[in-house]
Amino acid sequence: MSAYTATVTVRLKRGVLDPEAETTKRALERLGFELEALRSTDRFEVDLDAADADAAAERAEEMAERLLANPTIHDYDVDVAERE
């Protein structure tokens, strides 16, 4: 077993209202920043032991599907890195 950190990034799917991002976008525009769009995300870092990086990614994806993300309204990405 090796030690890994799985980073799960969860975001609303395009077309789903994101009031937090809209409020932040308007505030940034008031500060003079020009931007086309802004989306908010949640990022989870999970430290776990697994046989290899693929097994760690598989476990993190299961976590995302079962709890961290609602597949009806969220997309998610999983990145895995070995911890030293």
Protein backbone atom coordinates (compact mmCIF):
# COMPACT_ATOMS: atom_id res chain seq x y z
CA MET A 1 0.00 0.00 0.00
CA SER A 2 1.12 3.52 -0.80
CA ALA A 3 -0.08 6.88 0.48
CA TYR A 4 -1.99 9.10 -1.94
CA THR A 5 -3.84 12.39 -1.92
CA ALA A 6 -6.92 12.45 -4.11
CA THR A 7 -8.21 15.89 -5.01
CA VAL A 8 -11.91 15.94 -5.92
CA THR A 9 -13.13 19.16 -7.53
CA VAL A 10 -16.92 19.50 -7.65
CA ARG A 11 -18.66 22.17 -9.73
CA LEU A 12 -22.18 22.88 -10.87
CA LYS A 13 -22.94 21.76 -14.41
CA ARG A 14 -23.27 24.46 -17.03
CA GLY A 15 -26.79 25.82 -17.05
CA VAL A 16 -27.37 25.23 -13.33
CA LEU A 17 -27.80 28.51 -11.46
CA ASP A 18 -24.76 29.45 -9.37
CA PRO A 19 -25.78 32.39 -7.15
CA GLU A 20 -22.46 32.45 -5.28
CA ALA A 21 -20.51 32.81 -8.52
CA GLU A 22 -22.92 35.45 -9.87
CA THR A 23 -22.55 37.58 -6.72
CA THR A 24 -18.76 37.26 -6.84
CA LYS A 25 -18.69 38.04 -10.58
CA ARG A 26 -20.67 41.26 -10.06
CA ALA A 27 -18.36 42.29 -7.20
CA LEU A 28 -15.27 41.67 -9.34
CA GLU A 29 -16.79 43.72 -12.17
CA ARG A 30 -17.48 46.58 -9.74
CA LEU A 31 -13.79 46.45 -8.83
CA GLY A 32 -12.92 46.93 -12.50
CA PHE A 33 -12.16 43.36 -13.50
CA GLU A 34 -13.52 42.24 -16.86
CA LEU A 35 -14.52 38.61 -17.04
CA GLU A 36 -16.72 36.56 -19.25
CA ALA A 37 -17.92 34.03 -16.68
CA LEU A 38 -17.19 32.72 -13.21
CA ARG A 39 -18.09 29.39 -11.61
CA SER A 40 -17.66 28.38 -8.00
CA THR A 41 -16.23 24.99 -7.04
CA ASP A 42 -15.73 22.86 -3.97
CA ARG A 43 -12.40 21.11 -3.59
CA PHE A 44 -11.88 18.12 -1.33
CA GLU A 45 -8.44 16.67 -0.57
CA VAL A 46 -8.62 13.08 0.64
CA ASP A 47 -5.55 11.34 2.06
CA LEU A 48 -5.78 7.57 1.65
CA ASP A 49 -3.78 4.40 1.29
CA ALA A 50 -4.23 2.29 -1.83
CA ALA A 51 -2.45 -0.39 -3.84
CA ASP A 52 -1.77 2.05 -6.69
CA ALA A 53 -2.88 5.40 -8.15
CA ASP A 54 -5.70 3.77 -10.15
CA ALA A 55 -7.15 2.19 -7.01
CA ALA A 56 -6.91 5.53 -5.16
CA ALA A 57 -8.70 7.29 -8.04
CA GLU A 58 -11.39 4.62 -8.10
CA ARG A 59 -12.07 5.06 -4.37
CA ALA A 60 -12.15 8.86 -4.70
CA GLU A 61 -14.57 8.62 -7.64
CA GLU A 62 -16.84 6.39 -5.56
CA MET A 63 -16.73 9.00 -2.76
CA ALA A 64 -17.67 11.70 -5.24
CA GLU A 65 -20.54 9.70 -6.73
CA ARG A 66 -21.94 8.61 -3.36
CA LEU A 67 -21.57 11.80 -1.32
CA LEU A 68 -19.38 14.66 -2.52
CA ALA A 69 -21.29 15.40 -5.74
CA ASN A 70 -24.88 15.18 -6.87
CA PRO A 71 -24.56 13.79 -10.42
CA THR A 72 -27.81 15.47 -11.44
CA ILE A 73 -26.38 18.98 -10.97
CA HIS A 74 -22.62 18.52 -10.49
CA ASP A 75 -19.61 17.59 -12.57
CA TYR A 76 -16.45 16.48 -10.81
CA ASP A 77 -12.81 15.76 -11.52
CA VAL A 78 -10.48 13.49 -9.57
CA ASP A 79 -6.69 13.95 -9.52
CA VAL A 80 -4.41 11.64 -7.57
CA ALA A 81 -0.84 12.26 -6.42
CA GLU A 82 1.41 10.02 -4.38
CA ARG A 83 2.30 11.47 -0.98
CA GLU A 84 5.90 11.44 0.12
